[in-house]
Amino acid sequence: MSLPGKKLSLLDATLLVSGSMIGSGIFIVTAEMSRTLGSSGWVLFAWVLTGVLTIFAALSYGELAGMMPKVGGQYIYIQRAFGKLSAFVYGWSVFTVIQTGVIAAVAMAFANYLGVFVEELGNGEKGILFTVGTYEVTGGKIVAASMILLLTWLNSQGVREGKWVQRIFTFTKVFALFGLILAGLYFANKYDFFTDNISKAWDAGKYVTDESGMQGGWVSISGWAIATGLGVAMVGSIFSSDAWNNVTYIAGEIENPARNIPRSLLFGTVIVTVIYVLANVAYISLLPLRGGNYPDLVAQGISHASNNRVGAAAANVVMGRGGEFLMAALIMVSTFGCNNGLILSGSRLYKAMADDGYFFKKAAILNKHNVPGNALWIQAFWASMLCFSGSYGQLLDYCTFANLLFYILTIAGIFVLRKKEPNTPRPYKTFGYPVVPILYIILAGFIAVDIFWFKYVPALLGIGIVLLGIPVYYLISKNNSENNPEILEK
């Protein structure tokens, strides 16, 4: 199904892919990754491996997008390969945790960095407005929810308005990131950190703390411990590289989607992968990975950057305190543009579900601007509630695990559909089939198992939310059979 109105070009689709990917993670998660792996070589390898996995997935999705250039994207692919139950469970998970959880996490990151300028509007101690027991309501949570509502309103005004917000903010943050990369590489000659970090590139280690969490130190790791550490560390890099598939949700609003969606997936993921790897090269050029006996400015290093703000610490090295403020502003721009893409695309999936009778009926209705306005506002409401439910790190963990499961399922659908529908036209076929999708399934499966083993609480929460979708599906199906039998005949 195609929505009426102006279409998005290949450029717009590529910017949606890259803009949805580049949010807050690249400026933050390298700190936690460094504490898990302890060396520049393994941290860079984790980012490169994440990029390769993302590109493999994008290449695989291109075949599905070319076959089914319809609003709803991944929801449609899963439905075609595995049936309505699997598709509903995916859509349910997207609404309850995957899409809305990422929107909430990115909005929280926006608020955290606004707190650099106005502490009362952040999530720090000065941002606490009141407490209920141990629960804190902060100015940052209110800012995060307000950001979501503002972007939802902008996107409810039409595709054109959302498109221009995406163009402006994506170009701004890509150029700014390249500025940080060039500055980092230029000023690297001023310090010996790059040489020192590279000389110890494969000396893997893990930062461990005592029971109180106050005292800690580094311990060497090797062999299997490095492999499992990679899986845990890549929670951050995968989260930072996520949301590339959002462009498939709005297939009906893209010019020549069978051709342009596969191309935009490839172009967008390659661009972001290169930027991310270079940004981390800049970090290890400007800061010691483990910290050490250096001036106060860099003593904490990448691994213990204040509040995990690695990007801000790197900018501080280059331009002093002004650089930290500039980086905070950049991250606010980045997260604003990222959430615009997430909000724009997510609502289209809910419309596709509503058309099938498996979401709120009003979500299927287009407003006077020919966009699913009700779906946008339903998404905004739940994402805003999630802003008040947990921290950035908690949202990151269970979003990443749940999403990996459905990436694996969707790519497995390529094999199913090649057998079920061998004669269906495929304008684009997966590059490197069957090796590329098989490699993705194996590697992503290992990472998912690794996350489950070492972060079982958020993993179990993610699985619980997914499984809860099964009884909800049967309840809705029963209601449809009694009140809307025409839906079951589709």
Protein backbone atom coordinates (compact mmCIF):
# COMPACT_ATOMS: atom_id res chain seq x y z
CA MET A 1 0.00 0.00 0.00
CA SER A 2 1.25 3.48 -0.83
CA LEU A 3 0.33 6.58 1.07
CA PRO A 4 -0.73 9.64 -0.95
CA GLY A 5 1.30 12.82 -1.06
CA LYS A 6 4.84 13.85 -1.91
CA LYS A 7 7.44 11.08 -2.15
CA LEU A 8 10.86 10.80 -0.55
CA SER A 9 13.86 10.61 -2.89
CA LEU A 10 16.85 8.25 -2.69
CA LEU A 11 18.71 11.04 -0.89
CA ASP A 12 15.92 11.38 1.66
CA ALA A 13 15.80 7.62 2.17
CA THR A 14 19.59 7.44 2.65
CA LEU A 15 19.46 10.34 5.11
CA LEU A 16 16.67 8.57 6.98
CA VAL A 17 18.85 5.45 7.29
CA SER A 18 21.97 7.31 8.42
CA GLY A 19 20.07 9.92 10.44
CA SER A 20 18.14 7.27 12.36
CA MET A 21 21.40 5.45 13.13
CA ILE A 22 23.47 8.40 14.34
CA GLY A 23 22.10 9.42 17.70
CA SER A 24 23.82 9.53 21.08
CA GLY A 25 25.58 6.17 21.16
CA ILE A 26 28.72 7.06 19.21
CA PHE A 27 29.49 9.78 21.76
CA ILE A 28 28.89 7.59 24.83
CA VAL A 29 29.09 3.81 24.51
CA THR A 30 32.84 3.54 23.75
CA ALA A 31 33.48 4.18 27.45
CA GLU A 32 31.58 1.08 28.56
CA MET A 33 33.07 -0.92 25.69
CA SER A 34 36.55 0.09 26.82
CA ARG A 35 35.88 -1.04 30.39
CA THR A 36 34.77 -4.42 29.00
CA LEU A 37 37.61 -4.98 26.49
CA GLY A 38 40.43 -2.80 27.82
CA SER A 39 42.35 -2.19 24.58
CA SER A 40 42.07 -0.01 21.49
CA GLY A 41 42.43 -2.90 19.05
CA TRP A 42 39.55 -4.90 20.48
CA VAL A 43 37.34 -1.82 20.82
CA LEU A 44 37.95 -0.89 17.17
CA PHE A 45 37.40 -4.51 16.16
CA ALA A 46 34.02 -4.47 17.95
CA TRP A 47 32.99 -1.35 15.98
CA VAL A 48 34.21 -2.82 12.68
CA LEU A 49 32.43 -6.12 13.36
CA THR A 50 29.25 -4.22 14.22
CA GLY A 51 29.55 -2.33 10.95
CA VAL A 52 30.06 -5.53 8.95
CA LEU A 53 27.05 -7.14 10.64
CA THR A 54 24.91 -4.08 9.95
CA ILE A 55 25.93 -4.00 6.29
CA PHE A 56 25.27 -7.76 5.97
CA ALA A 57 21.80 -7.23 7.42
CA ALA A 58 21.14 -4.26 5.13
CA LEU A 59 22.21 -6.29 2.08
CA SER A 60 19.84 -9.06 3.16
CA TYR A 61 16.91 -6.72 3.83
CA GLY A 62 17.33 -5.23 0.39
CA GLU A 63 15.90 -8.37 -1.21
CA LEU A 64 12.83 -8.29 1.03
CA ALA A 65 12.33 -4.56 0.48
CA GLY A 66 12.48 -5.01 -3.29
CA MET A 67 9.90 -7.84 -3.13
CA MET A 68 7.51 -6.00 -0.82
CA PRO A 69 7.80 -2.21 -1.24
CA LYS A 70 4.89 -1.55 1.13
CA VAL A 71 4.21 0.56 4.21
CA GLY A 72 5.10 -1.52 7.27
CA GLY A 73 8.43 -2.92 6.11
CA GLN A 74 9.77 -5.59 8.43
CA TYR A 75 6.27 -6.32 9.76
CA ILE A 76 5.19 -7.23 6.22
CA TYR A 77 8.32 -9.32 5.58
CA ILE A 78 7.80 -11.42 8.71
CA GLN A 79 4.09 -11.85 7.95
CA ARG A 80 4.80 -13.09 4.44
CA ALA A 81 7.45 -15.56 5.59
CA PHE A 82 6.10 -16.78 8.93
CA GLY A 83 2.45 -15.74 9.19
CA LYS A 84 0.32 -13.26 11.12
CA LEU A 85 1.23 -14.43 14.63
CA SER A 86 4.95 -13.86 14.15
CA ALA A 87 4.29 -10.53 12.45
CA PHE A 88 2.03 -9.37 15.27
CA VAL A 89 4.55 -10.39 17.95
CA TYR A 90 7.15 -8.34 16.09
CA GLY A 91 4.86 -5.32 15.80
CA TRP A 92 3.86 -5.70 19.44
CA SER A 93 7.54 -5.75 20.45
CA VAL A 94 8.31 -2.73 18.29
CA PHE A 95 5.53 -0.74 19.93
CA THR A 96 6.12 -1.85 23.51
CA VAL A 97 9.91 -1.75 23.63
CA ILE A 98 11.98 -1.72 20.43
CA GLN A 99 10.97 1.47 18.61
CA THR A 100 9.46 3.38 21.51
CA GLY A 101 12.28 2.26 23.82
CA VAL A 102 14.91 3.60 21.43
CA ILE A 103 12.95 6.84 21.01
CA ALA A 104 12.86 7.19 24.81
CA ALA A 105 16.56 6.37 25.22
CA VAL A 106 17.58 8.91 22.56
CA ALA A 107 15.31 11.54 24.12
CA MET A 108 16.89 10.86 27.53
CA ALA A 109 20.35 11.36 26.00
CA PHE A 110 19.15 14.69 24.56
CA ALA A 111 18.05 15.74 28.05
CA ASN A 112 21.33 14.58 29.63
CA TYR A 113 23.31 16.87 27.35
CA LEU A 114 20.91 19.77 27.74
CA GLY A 115 21.83 19.41 31.41
CA VAL A 116 25.40 20.44 30.51
CA PHE A 117 24.02 23.92 29.82
CA VAL A 118 21.17 24.01 32.35
CA GLU A 119 21.65 21.44 35.10
CA GLU A 120 18.06 21.79 36.29
CA LEU A 121 16.89 20.46 32.91
CA GLY A 122 19.07 17.35 33.05
CA ASN A 123 18.92 14.08 34.97
CA GLY A 124 21.62 14.88 37.51
CA GLU A 125 21.18 15.82 41.16
CA LYS A 126 20.18 19.40 40.38
CA GLY A 127 17.58 18.17 37.92
CA ILE A 128 15.55 16.28 40.57
CA LEU A 129 12.16 17.95 40.93
CA PHE A 130 10.68 15.59 43.51
CA THR A 131 10.89 11.99 44.66
CA VAL A 132 8.29 9.34 45.39
CA GLY A 133 9.99 6.74 47.57
CA THR A 134 13.17 5.92 45.64
CA TYR A 135 11.74 7.09 42.31
CA GLU A 136 12.94 10.46 41.04
CA VAL A 137 11.13 12.79 38.70
CA THR A 138 13.71 14.97 36.98
CA GLY A 139 13.64 17.93 34.69
CA GLY A 140 15.46 15.73 32.17
CA LYS A 141 12.59 13.25 31.98
CA ILE A 142 10.15 16.06 31.32
CA VAL A 143 12.47 17.50 28.66
CA ALA A 144 12.77 14.08 27.00
CA ALA A 145 9.00 13.62 26.85
CA SER A 146 8.57 17.19 25.56
CA MET A 147 11.09 16.56 22.78
CA ILE A 148 9.11 13.51 21.65
CA LEU A 149 5.86 15.48 21.64
CA LEU A 150 7.41 18.34 19.63
CA LEU A 151 8.83 16.02 16.97
CA THR A 152 5.56 14.13 16.80
CA TRP A 153 3.71 17.38 16.13
CA LEU A 154 6.19 18.33 13.39
CA ASN A 155 5.78 14.95 11.68
CA SER A 156 2.00 15.12 11.99
CA GLN A 157 2.12 18.18 9.69
CA GLY A 158 3.16 16.06 6.70
CA VAL A 159 6.01 14.13 5.09
CA ARG A 160 7.50 17.30 3.65
CA GLU A 161 7.98 18.87 7.09
CA GLY A 162 9.49 15.69 8.54
CA LYS A 163 11.72 15.33 5.48
CA TRP A 164 13.27 18.77 5.88
CA VAL A 165 13.88 18.30 9.59
CA GLN A 166 15.65 15.05 8.70
CA ARG A 167 17.74 16.65 5.95
CA ILE A 168 18.88 19.61 8.05
CA PHE A 169 19.76 17.67 11.18
CA THR A 170 21.38 14.70 9.43
CA PHE A 171 23.64 16.89 7.27
CA THR A 172 24.53 18.96 10.34
CA LYS A 173 25.56 16.03 12.52
CA VAL A 174 27.42 14.19 9.74
CA PHE A 175 29.48 17.28 8.92
CA ALA A 176 30.05 17.97 12.63
CA LEU A 177 31.20 14.39 13.22
CA PHE A 178 33.64 14.67 10.34
CA GLY A 179 34.85 17.92 11.95
CA LEU A 180 35.52 16.06 15.21
CA ILE A 181 37.30 13.28 13.31
CA LEU A 182 39.53 15.69 11.38
CA ALA A 183 40.30 17.71 14.51
CA GLY A 184 41.16 14.53 16.40
CA LEU A 185 43.50 13.29 13.70
CA TYR A 186 45.10 16.73 13.31
CA PHE A 187 45.75 17.24 17.01
CA ALA A 188 46.85 13.64 17.52
CA ASN A 189 50.44 14.68 16.75
CA LYS A 190 50.36 16.84 19.86
CA TYR A 191 50.02 13.78 22.10
CA ASP A 192 51.46 10.27 22.27
CA PHE A 193 48.15 8.59 23.10
CA PHE A 194 47.62 7.08 19.66
CA THR A 195 51.05 5.43 19.64
CA ASP A 196 50.61 4.19 23.19
CA ASN A 197 47.08 2.89 22.57
CA ILE A 198 48.10 1.11 19.37
CA SER A 199 51.21 -0.42 20.96
CA LYS A 200 48.89 -2.13 23.46
CA ALA A 201 46.12 -2.70 20.93
CA TRP A 202 45.56 -6.38 21.72
CA ASP A 203 46.30 -6.36 25.48
CA ALA A 204 42.71 -7.12 26.41
CA GLY A 205 41.49 -6.38 29.91
CA LYS A 206 38.40 -5.80 31.98
CA TYR A 207 37.77 -3.21 34.65
CA VAL A 208 36.33 -4.86 37.76
CA THR A 209 35.08 -3.33 40.98
CA ASP A 210 34.63 -4.63 44.51
CA GLU A 211 31.25 -5.38 46.05
CA SER A 212 30.74 -1.75 46.99
CA GLY A 213 31.44 -0.65 43.43
CA MET A 214 33.79 2.04 44.75
CA GLN A 215 37.21 0.40 44.33
CA GLY A 216 38.28 -1.15 41.05
CA GLY A 217 41.15 -2.13 38.81
CA TRP A 218 42.12 -3.81 35.55
CA VAL A 219 42.54 -7.55 35.06
CA SER A 220 43.89 -9.19 31.91
CA ILE A 221 41.59 -11.40 29.84
CA SER A 222 42.31 -13.80 26.99
CA GLY A 223 40.80 -16.55 24.87
CA TRP A 224 37.12 -17.23 25.45
CA ALA A 225 36.85 -14.30 27.86
CA ILE A 226 37.68 -11.94 24.98
CA ALA A 227 35.05 -13.57 22.75
CA THR A 228 32.32 -13.26 25.38
CA GLY A 229 33.52 -9.76 26.25
CA LEU A 230 33.09 -8.77 22.62
CA GLY A 231 29.47 -9.89 22.70
CA VAL A 232 28.73 -7.86 25.82
CA ALA A 233 30.63 -4.81 24.57
CA MET A 234 28.78 -4.86 21.26
CA VAL A 235 25.48 -4.14 23.00
CA GLY A 236 26.59 -0.51 22.85
CA SER A 237 27.90 -0.48 19.28
CA ILE A 238 24.88 -2.41 17.95
CA PHE A 239 22.52 0.00 19.70
CA SER A 240 24.46 2.90 18.16
CA SER A 241 24.15 1.32 14.71
CA ASP A 242 20.51 0.34 15.07
CA ALA A 243 17.36 1.75 13.43
CA TRP A 244 18.80 1.43 9.90
CA ASN A 245 15.75 -0.70 9.01
CA ASN A 246 13.31 2.13 9.76
CA VAL A 247 13.32 3.18 6.12
CA THR A 248 11.44 -0.03 5.26
CA TYR A 249 8.47 1.09 7.36
CA ILE A 250 7.77 4.00 5.00
CA ALA A 251 8.30 2.16 1.71
CA GLY A 252 5.01 3.48 0.33
CA GLU A 253 6.26 7.05 0.64
CA ILE A 254 9.55 6.55 -1.23
CA GLU A 255 10.05 7.07 -4.96
CA ASN A 256 10.62 3.76 -6.78
CA PRO A 257 10.91 1.83 -3.50
CA ALA A 258 11.88 -1.49 -5.07
CA ARG A 259 15.06 0.19 -6.35
CA ASN A 260 15.72 2.96 -3.84
CA ILE A 261 15.19 1.17 -0.52
CA PRO A 262 17.92 -1.47 -1.11
CA ARG A 263 20.29 1.27 -2.30
CA SER A 264 19.51 3.55 0.65
CA LEU A 265 20.06 0.68 3.10
CA LEU A 266 23.50 -0.02 1.66
CA PHE A 267 24.56 3.63 1.27
CA GLY A 268 23.34 4.68 4.71
CA THR A 269 24.89 1.79 6.65
CA VAL A 270 28.26 2.08 4.87
CA ILE A 271 28.43 5.84 5.49
CA VAL A 272 27.66 5.47 9.20
CA THR A 273 30.04 2.53 9.66
CA VAL A 274 32.93 4.56 8.21
CA ILE A 275 32.05 7.56 10.39
CA TYR A 276 31.83 5.45 13.54
CA VAL A 277 35.17 3.70 13.02
CA LEU A 278 36.92 7.02 12.24
CA ALA A 279 35.34 8.68 15.29
CA ASN A 280 36.81 5.95 17.50
CA VAL A 281 40.20 6.38 15.83
CA ALA A 282 39.92 10.06 16.80
CA TYR A 283 39.11 9.08 20.39
CA ILE A 284 42.17 6.85 20.75
CA SER A 285 44.26 9.63 19.18
CA LEU A 286 43.20 12.17 21.80
CA LEU A 287 42.75 10.12 24.98
CA PRO A 288 44.43 7.20 26.76
CA LEU A 289 42.10 4.23 26.66
CA ARG A 290 42.55 3.22 30.31
CA GLY A 291 43.48 6.61 31.70
CA GLY A 292 46.53 6.88 33.92
CA ASN A 293 49.11 9.33 35.18
CA TYR A 294 48.16 12.24 32.98
CA PRO A 295 46.92 15.79 33.58
CA ASP A 296 43.42 16.01 35.03
CA LEU A 297 41.98 16.78 31.61
CA VAL A 298 42.62 13.27 30.29
CA ALA A 299 43.42 11.22 33.42
CA GLN A 300 40.12 9.36 33.26
CA GLY A 301 40.76 8.37 29.67
CA ILE A 302 38.17 6.83 27.36
CA SER A 303 37.15 4.11 29.80
CA HIS A 304 36.26 6.46 32.63
CA ALA A 305 35.21 9.61 30.82
CA SER A 306 32.90 11.68 33.02
CA ASN A 307 29.34 10.31 32.68
CA ASN A 308 30.68 8.17 29.79
CA ARG A 309 30.85 11.33 27.64
CA VAL A 310 33.79 10.24 25.48
CA GLY A 311 32.93 12.68 22.70
CA ALA A 312 32.85 15.58 25.16
CA ALA A 313 36.19 14.49 26.69
CA ALA A 314 37.80 14.36 23.24
CA ALA A 315 36.43 17.79 22.33
CA ASN A 316 37.72 19.12 25.66
CA VAL A 317 41.23 18.02 24.73
CA VAL A 318 41.05 19.88 21.42
CA MET A 319 39.27 23.08 22.49
CA GLY A 320 39.10 23.10 26.26
CA ARG A 321 35.88 23.76 28.15
CA GLY A 322 34.37 25.40 25.08
CA GLY A 323 34.84 22.14 23.21
CA GLU A 324 32.80 20.29 25.82
CA PHE A 325 29.91 22.73 25.35
CA LEU A 326 30.23 22.47 21.58
CA MET A 327 30.12 18.66 21.77
CA ALA A 328 27.08 18.78 24.03
CA ALA A 329 25.34 20.98 21.47
CA LEU A 330 26.36 18.58 18.68
CA ILE A 331 24.92 15.61 20.54
CA MET A 332 21.68 17.49 21.10
CA VAL A 333 21.49 18.14 17.35
CA SER A 334 22.35 14.49 16.68
CA THR A 335 19.72 13.06 19.02
CA PHE A 336 17.08 15.50 17.79
CA GLY A 337 17.61 14.43 14.18
CA CYS A 338 17.82 10.76 15.13
CA ASN A 339 14.50 10.83 16.95
CA ASN A 340 12.86 12.65 14.07
CA GLY A 341 13.65 9.70 11.81
CA LEU A 342 12.51 7.16 14.40
CA ILE A 343 9.22 8.96 15.02
CA LEU A 344 8.57 9.52 11.31
CA SER A 345 9.03 5.85 10.38
CA GLY A 346 7.69 3.96 13.41
CA SER A 347 4.14 5.24 13.05
CA ARG A 348 3.90 3.72 9.58
CA LEU A 349 4.36 0.23 11.00
CA TYR A 350 1.48 0.77 13.42
CA LYS A 351 -0.70 1.91 10.52
CA ALA A 352 0.08 -1.34 8.68
CA MET A 353 -0.89 -3.32 11.79
CA ALA A 354 -4.10 -1.32 12.16
CA ASP A 355 -4.97 -2.00 8.52
CA ASP A 356 -4.74 -5.71 9.38
CA GLY A 357 -6.96 -5.26 12.44
CA TYR A 358 -4.14 -5.84 14.94
CA PHE A 359 -3.66 -2.34 16.36
CA PHE A 360 -5.86 0.55 17.44
CA LYS A 361 -8.33 1.18 14.60
CA LYS A 362 -7.72 4.91 14.63
CA ALA A 363 -4.03 4.32 13.87
CA ALA A 364 -5.03 3.42 10.29
CA ILE A 365 -6.59 6.85 9.67
CA LEU A 366 -4.64 9.45 7.70
CA ASN A 367 -4.98 13.06 8.81
CA LYS A 368 -5.51 16.03 6.51
CA HIS A 369 -1.76 16.07 5.76
CA ASN A 370 -1.93 12.44 4.51
CA VAL A 371 0.12 11.00 7.37
CA PRO A 372 -1.03 8.56 10.08
CA GLY A 373 -1.47 11.22 12.74
CA ASN A 374 -3.21 9.00 15.30
CA ALA A 375 -0.45 6.40 15.05
CA LEU A 376 2.11 9.15 15.62
CA TRP A 377 0.40 10.34 18.80
CA ILE A 378 -0.15 6.83 20.17
CA GLN A 379 3.57 6.18 19.68
CA ALA A 380 4.42 9.49 21.32
CA PHE A 381 2.32 8.72 24.39
CA TRP A 382 3.96 5.36 25.07
CA ALA A 383 7.51 6.55 24.32
CA SER A 384 6.97 9.47 26.70
CA MET A 385 5.86 7.04 29.42
CA LEU A 386 9.05 5.03 28.87
CA CYS A 387 11.09 8.19 29.48
CA PHE A 388 9.83 8.05 33.06
CA SER A 389 10.38 4.30 33.45
CA GLY A 390 14.15 3.82 33.41
CA SER A 391 17.65 5.05 32.62
CA TYR A 392 19.46 5.29 29.29
CA GLY A 393 21.46 2.12 30.02
CA GLN A 394 18.42 0.05 30.98
CA LEU A 395 16.53 1.08 27.87
CA LEU A 396 19.61 0.31 25.74
CA ASP A 397 19.99 -3.26 27.06
CA TYR A 398 16.51 -4.61 26.51
CA CYS A 399 15.98 -2.77 23.21
CA THR A 400 19.15 -4.25 21.72
CA PHE A 401 18.46 -7.85 22.75
CA ALA A 402 14.84 -7.88 21.56
CA ASN A 403 15.77 -6.28 18.25
CA LEU A 404 18.52 -8.82 17.55
CA LEU A 405 16.02 -11.65 17.83
CA PHE A 406 13.81 -10.15 15.14
CA TYR A 407 16.70 -9.26 12.84
CA ILE A 408 17.67 -12.94 12.93
CA LEU A 409 14.07 -14.03 12.28
CA THR A 410 13.62 -11.60 9.39
CA ILE A 411 16.82 -12.60 7.63
CA ALA A 412 15.87 -16.26 8.07
CA GLY A 413 12.73 -15.28 6.18
CA ILE A 414 14.82 -14.83 3.02
CA PHE A 415 15.46 -18.58 2.92
CA VAL A 416 11.81 -19.35 3.67
CA LEU A 417 10.50 -17.08 0.92
CA ARG A 418 12.98 -18.36 -1.66
CA LYS A 419 11.47 -21.79 -1.08
CA LYS A 420 7.82 -20.71 -0.72
CA GLU A 421 7.83 -18.11 -3.50
CA PRO A 422 10.59 -18.98 -5.96
CA ASN A 423 8.88 -17.17 -8.84
CA THR A 424 8.11 -13.90 -7.05
CA PRO A 425 9.93 -11.00 -8.79
CA ARG A 426 13.03 -9.92 -6.88
CA PRO A 427 14.34 -6.61 -8.28
CA TYR A 428 17.32 -7.00 -5.96
CA LYS A 429 18.79 -10.27 -4.70
CA THR A 430 20.91 -10.54 -1.56
CA PHE A 431 24.58 -10.04 -2.37
CA GLY A 432 26.61 -13.11 -1.42
CA TYR A 433 23.56 -15.32 -0.86
CA PRO A 434 23.49 -17.68 1.02
CA VAL A 435 26.81 -16.91 2.77
CA VAL A 436 26.06 -13.32 3.81
CA PRO A 437 22.69 -13.98 5.52
CA ILE A 438 23.98 -17.21 7.13
CA LEU A 439 27.01 -15.40 8.56
CA TYR A 440 24.73 -12.71 9.96
CA ILE A 441 22.44 -15.25 11.62
CA ILE A 442 25.38 -17.10 13.20
CA LEU A 443 27.21 -13.99 14.48
CA ALA A 444 24.07 -12.20 15.65
CA GLY A 445 22.91 -15.42 17.32
CA PHE A 446 26.20 -15.67 19.23
CA ILE A 447 25.88 -12.06 20.40
CA ALA A 448 22.26 -12.64 21.50
CA VAL A 449 23.27 -15.74 23.52
CA ASP A 450 26.19 -13.81 25.00
CA ILE A 451 23.90 -10.94 26.07
CA PHE A 452 21.46 -13.42 27.57
CA TRP A 453 24.22 -15.12 29.55
CA PHE A 454 25.84 -11.98 30.95
CA LYS A 455 22.86 -9.60 31.05
CA TYR A 456 20.07 -12.04 31.72
CA VAL A 457 17.77 -9.62 33.56
CA PRO A 458 17.18 -7.24 30.60
CA ALA A 459 17.28 -10.23 28.23
CA LEU A 460 14.56 -12.03 30.18
CA LEU A 461 12.55 -8.82 30.30
CA GLY A 462 12.87 -8.54 26.52
CA ILE A 463 11.83 -12.17 26.03
CA GLY A 464 8.91 -11.69 28.42
CA ILE A 465 7.62 -8.70 26.47
CA VAL A 466 7.93 -10.63 23.21
CA LEU A 467 6.12 -13.70 24.57
CA LEU A 468 3.37 -11.56 26.06
CA GLY A 469 2.45 -10.66 22.51
CA ILE A 470 1.26 -14.23 21.85
CA PRO A 471 -1.81 -14.21 24.16
CA VAL A 472 -2.54 -10.63 23.09
CA TYR A 473 -2.60 -11.81 19.48
CA TYR A 474 -5.11 -14.56 20.21
CA LEU A 475 -7.32 -12.18 22.18
CA ILE A 476 -7.38 -9.75 19.25
CA SER A 477 -7.95 -12.58 16.77
CA LYS A 478 -10.90 -13.81 18.81
CA ASN A 479 -12.36 -10.32 18.86
CA ASN A 480 -11.84 -9.99 15.11
CA SER A 481 -13.53 -13.33 14.44
CA GLU A 482 -16.57 -12.19 16.39
CA ASN A 483 -16.81 -8.57 15.29
CA ASN A 484 -14.64 -8.15 12.17
CA PRO A 485 -14.67 -11.44 10.22
CA GLU A 486 -13.68 -9.64 7.00
CA ILE A 487 -10.23 -8.99 8.47
CA LEU A 488 -9.52 -12.71 8.86
CA GLU A 489 -10.26 -13.20 5.17
CA LYS A 490 -7.49 -10.88 4.04
